[in-house]
């Protein structure tokens, strides 16, 4: 069965795609525990901040990988943009899970090469970009998928953690739609410039509080989400 590019994109972005993201909250569990997120308004503020920092960085890496930039070099760039050990482990764990699903769905020599050189897992945004390329999609598609993941996961987790109305969480994502498109466009543009300017053209935004709370969360003995 041949899938159209639109169907390929839907499959990759489908929450049922077995990439492991359902087990992670993107920092939401720690934010809820500290009461930084406690209602719809604070959820929206959290997601907006994450979109313009971690989401932008992930979108840039994914777009560059989808554009054919060397995935191993991008994996090293992802390491430098992920200073916290807990987040590095999580990103590689998610990358390994996505790699298994991607190779079964869109077999490609690029995915095989990355898996061979990173047997313990490459960073998730890099794997996402290589997967997007294998599926015949564009760097902008990769950037949009990465940007959406950066807020979609936390919003879904908030429904479980706060017993939030799912319609309210969906409303948050809808209100962020224009900003999500802007972040994806910025990331795809940076990926295009990386071909001539090098990896320094890719976004390197930081979110220190997310870094700190991710390390704290990793030390919890009881938790609902892996991150």
Protein backbone atom coordinates (compact mmCIF):
# COMPACT_ATOMS: atom_id res chain seq x y z
CA UNK A 1 0.00 0.00 0.00
CA UNK A 2 1.38 3.39 -1.02
CA UNK A 3 0.78 6.30 1.34
CA UNK A 4 0.62 9.90 0.18
CA UNK A 5 2.96 12.47 1.83
CA UNK A 6 -0.01 13.77 3.83
CA UNK A 7 -0.79 10.26 5.08
CA UNK A 8 2.88 9.71 5.93
CA UNK A 9 2.88 12.91 7.97
CA UNK A 10 -0.28 11.91 9.81
CA UNK A 11 1.19 8.49 10.63
CA UNK A 12 4.40 9.99 12.01
CA UNK A 13 2.51 12.54 14.13
CA UNK A 14 -0.13 10.07 15.34
CA UNK A 15 0.01 9.67 19.11
CA UNK A 16 -0.50 5.93 18.63
CA UNK A 17 2.77 5.63 16.68
CA UNK A 18 4.94 3.50 19.02
CA UNK A 19 7.69 6.06 19.65
CA UNK A 20 7.48 6.04 23.46
CA UNK A 21 6.41 9.64 23.98
CA UNK A 22 3.30 8.68 25.98
CA UNK A 23 5.52 7.79 28.96
CA UNK A 24 7.06 11.27 29.16
CA UNK A 25 5.57 14.55 30.34
CA UNK A 26 8.20 16.96 29.01
CA UNK A 27 8.76 18.43 32.46
CA UNK A 28 5.06 18.76 33.25
CA UNK A 29 5.06 16.36 36.19
CA UNK A 30 7.72 18.37 38.01
CA UNK A 31 5.96 21.63 37.12
CA UNK A 32 2.67 20.38 38.54
CA UNK A 33 4.35 19.12 41.71
CA UNK A 34 5.89 22.56 42.30
CA UNK A 35 2.54 24.28 41.55
CA UNK A 36 4.08 26.23 38.69
CA UNK A 37 1.37 24.64 36.56
CA UNK A 38 -1.99 24.36 38.28
CA UNK A 39 -4.64 25.49 35.77
CA UNK A 40 -5.23 26.21 32.09
CA UNK A 41 -3.52 29.60 32.12
CA UNK A 42 -0.34 28.30 33.75
CA UNK A 43 -0.37 25.30 31.40
CA UNK A 44 -0.46 27.66 28.43
CA UNK A 45 2.42 29.72 29.84
CA UNK A 46 4.48 26.57 30.41
CA UNK A 47 3.83 25.25 26.91
CA UNK A 48 4.62 28.61 25.33
CA UNK A 49 7.95 28.78 27.12
CA UNK A 50 8.83 25.22 26.20
CA UNK A 51 7.87 25.78 22.56
CA UNK A 52 10.20 28.76 22.16
CA UNK A 53 13.17 27.06 23.88
CA UNK A 54 13.36 23.26 23.85
CA UNK A 55 10.83 23.10 21.02
CA UNK A 56 12.76 25.51 18.83
CA UNK A 57 16.03 23.63 19.38
CA UNK A 58 14.42 20.27 18.62
CA UNK A 59 12.73 21.66 15.52
CA UNK A 60 16.01 23.00 14.18
CA UNK A 61 17.82 19.71 14.67
CA UNK A 62 14.96 17.73 13.13
CA UNK A 63 14.72 20.03 10.12
CA UNK A 64 18.48 19.85 9.49
CA UNK A 65 18.40 16.04 9.65
CA UNK A 66 15.45 15.98 7.25
CA UNK A 67 17.43 18.27 4.95
CA UNK A 68 20.18 15.66 4.73
CA UNK A 69 22.73 17.23 7.08
CA UNK A 70 25.06 14.62 8.57
CA UNK A 71 23.07 12.95 11.35
CA UNK A 72 26.11 12.05 13.45
CA UNK A 73 27.27 15.66 13.47
CA UNK A 74 23.75 16.72 14.41
CA UNK A 75 23.72 14.19 17.23
CA UNK A 76 26.84 15.81 18.65
CA UNK A 77 25.23 19.22 18.23
CA UNK A 78 22.21 17.95 20.16
CA UNK A 79 24.54 16.89 22.98
CA UNK A 80 26.00 20.38 23.25
CA UNK A 81 22.50 21.85 23.33
CA UNK A 82 21.43 19.43 26.08
CA UNK A 83 23.71 20.14 29.04
CA UNK A 84 21.75 18.17 31.64
CA UNK A 85 22.52 14.42 31.90
CA UNK A 86 18.91 13.48 32.67
CA UNK A 87 17.63 15.15 29.50
CA UNK A 88 20.38 13.57 27.43
CA UNK A 89 19.40 10.12 28.65
CA UNK A 90 15.72 10.79 27.98
CA UNK A 91 16.37 12.15 24.49
CA UNK A 92 18.47 9.13 23.53
CA UNK A 93 15.97 6.72 25.05
CA UNK A 94 13.19 8.28 23.01
CA UNK A 95 15.42 8.31 19.94
CA UNK A 96 16.09 4.60 20.32
CA UNK A 97 12.38 3.84 20.60
CA UNK A 98 11.55 6.01 17.59
CA UNK A 99 14.34 4.37 15.62
CA UNK A 100 12.83 0.91 16.14
CA UNK A 101 9.42 2.06 14.94
CA UNK A 102 10.84 4.11 12.06
CA UNK A 103 13.02 1.33 10.65
CA UNK A 104 10.04 -1.02 10.66
CA UNK A 105 7.85 1.56 8.92
CA UNK A 106 10.21 3.42 6.56
CA UNK A 107 13.33 1.28 5.98
CA UNK A 108 16.25 3.41 4.79
CA UNK A 109 20.03 3.33 4.63
CA UNK A 110 20.18 6.63 6.54
CA UNK A 111 18.28 5.15 9.49
CA UNK A 112 20.43 2.00 9.33
CA UNK A 113 23.62 4.08 9.41
CA UNK A 114 22.47 6.12 12.39
CA UNK A 115 21.39 3.01 14.28
CA UNK A 116 24.74 1.33 13.56
CA UNK A 117 26.78 4.29 14.83
CA UNK A 118 24.50 5.07 17.79
CA UNK A 119 23.43 1.63 19.11
CA UNK A 120 22.48 3.15 22.48
CA UNK A 121 20.24 5.67 20.76
CA UNK A 122 20.67 8.97 18.94
CA UNK A 123 18.92 12.11 20.15
CA UNK A 124 15.20 11.99 19.41
CA UNK A 125 14.99 15.16 17.24
CA UNK A 126 17.78 13.85 15.01
CA UNK A 127 16.05 10.49 14.60
CA UNK A 128 12.79 12.32 13.92
CA UNK A 129 14.44 14.31 11.14
CA UNK A 130 16.05 11.26 9.51
CA UNK A 131 12.71 9.47 9.77
CA UNK A 132 10.91 12.39 8.15
CA UNK A 133 13.37 12.27 5.26
CA UNK A 134 12.90 8.50 4.93
CA UNK A 135 9.15 9.05 4.77
CA UNK A 136 9.57 11.45 1.85
CA UNK A 137 8.58 14.54 3.83
CA UNK A 138 10.20 17.97 4.03
CA UNK A 139 12.41 19.74 6.58
CA UNK A 140 9.46 21.98 7.42
CA UNK A 141 7.36 18.88 8.13
CA UNK A 142 10.07 17.69 10.52
CA UNK A 143 10.22 21.08 12.24
CA UNK A 144 6.45 21.16 12.65
CA UNK A 145 6.39 17.64 14.11
CA UNK A 146 9.15 18.46 16.60
CA UNK A 147 7.57 21.76 17.60
CA UNK A 148 4.20 20.13 18.14
CA UNK A 149 5.71 17.31 20.21
CA UNK A 150 7.29 19.89 22.52
CA UNK A 151 3.87 21.12 23.62
CA UNK A 152 1.53 18.25 22.77
CA UNK A 153 3.17 15.87 25.24
CA UNK A 154 3.06 18.26 28.22
CA UNK A 155 -0.53 19.27 27.44
CA UNK A 156 -1.64 15.63 27.35
CA UNK A 157 0.24 14.91 30.58
CA UNK A 158 -1.45 17.86 32.28
CA UNK A 159 -4.84 16.29 31.64
CA UNK A 160 -3.79 13.26 33.68
CA UNK A 161 -1.84 15.12 36.35
CA UNK A 162 -4.38 17.86 37.02
CA UNK A 163 -7.58 16.07 36.00
CA UNK A 164 -7.84 18.91 33.51
CA UNK A 165 -10.67 18.99 31.02
CA UNK A 166 -9.24 17.61 27.74
CA UNK A 167 -11.10 20.32 25.86
CA UNK A 168 -9.21 22.99 27.83
CA UNK A 169 -5.87 21.35 27.03
CA UNK A 170 -6.80 21.16 23.36
CA UNK A 171 -7.75 24.83 23.50
CA UNK A 172 -4.24 25.64 24.75
CA UNK A 173 -2.73 23.87 21.74
CA UNK A 174 -5.12 25.67 19.39
CA UNK A 175 -4.13 29.08 20.80
CA UNK A 176 -0.47 28.20 20.30
CA UNK A 177 -0.96 27.15 16.67
CA UNK A 178 0.29 30.40 15.12
CA UNK A 179 3.36 30.45 17.36
CA UNK A 180 4.02 26.81 16.55
CA UNK A 181 4.04 27.64 12.84
CA UNK A 182 6.42 30.55 13.47
CA UNK A 183 8.81 28.35 15.45
CA UNK A 184 8.73 25.67 12.73
CA UNK A 185 9.39 28.25 9.99
CA UNK A 186 12.30 29.72 11.98
CA UNK A 187 13.77 26.27 12.56
CA UNK A 188 13.45 25.21 8.92
CA UNK A 189 15.08 28.46 7.79
CA UNK A 190 17.98 27.90 10.21
CA UNK A 191 18.38 24.34 8.93
CA UNK A 192 18.66 25.65 5.39
CA UNK A 193 21.35 28.13 6.44
CA UNK A 194 23.28 25.42 8.28
CA UNK A 195 24.32 23.97 4.93
CA UNK A 196 26.54 27.00 4.28
CA UNK A 197 26.98 28.49 7.77
CA UNK A 198 27.50 25.31 9.77
CA UNK A 199 25.78 24.04 12.88
CA UNK A 200 26.06 27.37 14.66
CA UNK A 201 23.15 28.51 12.48
CA UNK A 202 20.85 26.13 14.34
CA UNK A 203 18.90 27.43 17.37
CA UNK A 204 20.52 26.99 20.79
CA UNK A 205 17.87 28.44 23.12
CA UNK A 206 17.96 27.34 26.75
CA UNK A 207 15.42 26.74 29.52
CA UNK A 208 17.43 26.55 32.78
CA UNK A 209 14.43 25.83 34.99
CA UNK A 210 13.43 22.88 32.83
CA UNK A 211 17.01 21.61 33.09
CA UNK A 212 17.05 21.89 36.89
CA UNK A 213 13.66 20.30 37.45
CA UNK A 214 14.43 17.44 35.04
CA UNK A 215 17.41 16.45 37.20
CA UNK A 216 15.28 16.68 40.33
CA UNK A 217 12.50 14.64 38.74
CA UNK A 218 14.96 11.91 37.71
CA UNK A 219 15.81 11.39 41.39
CA UNK A 220 12.19 10.85 42.48
CA UNK A 221 11.52 7.35 43.74
CA UNK A 222 7.82 7.49 42.81
CA UNK A 223 6.58 9.19 39.65
CA UNK A 224 3.89 8.75 37.02
CA UNK A 225 6.06 9.71 34.02
CA UNK A 226 9.62 8.84 33.07
CA UNK A 227 10.40 12.53 32.62
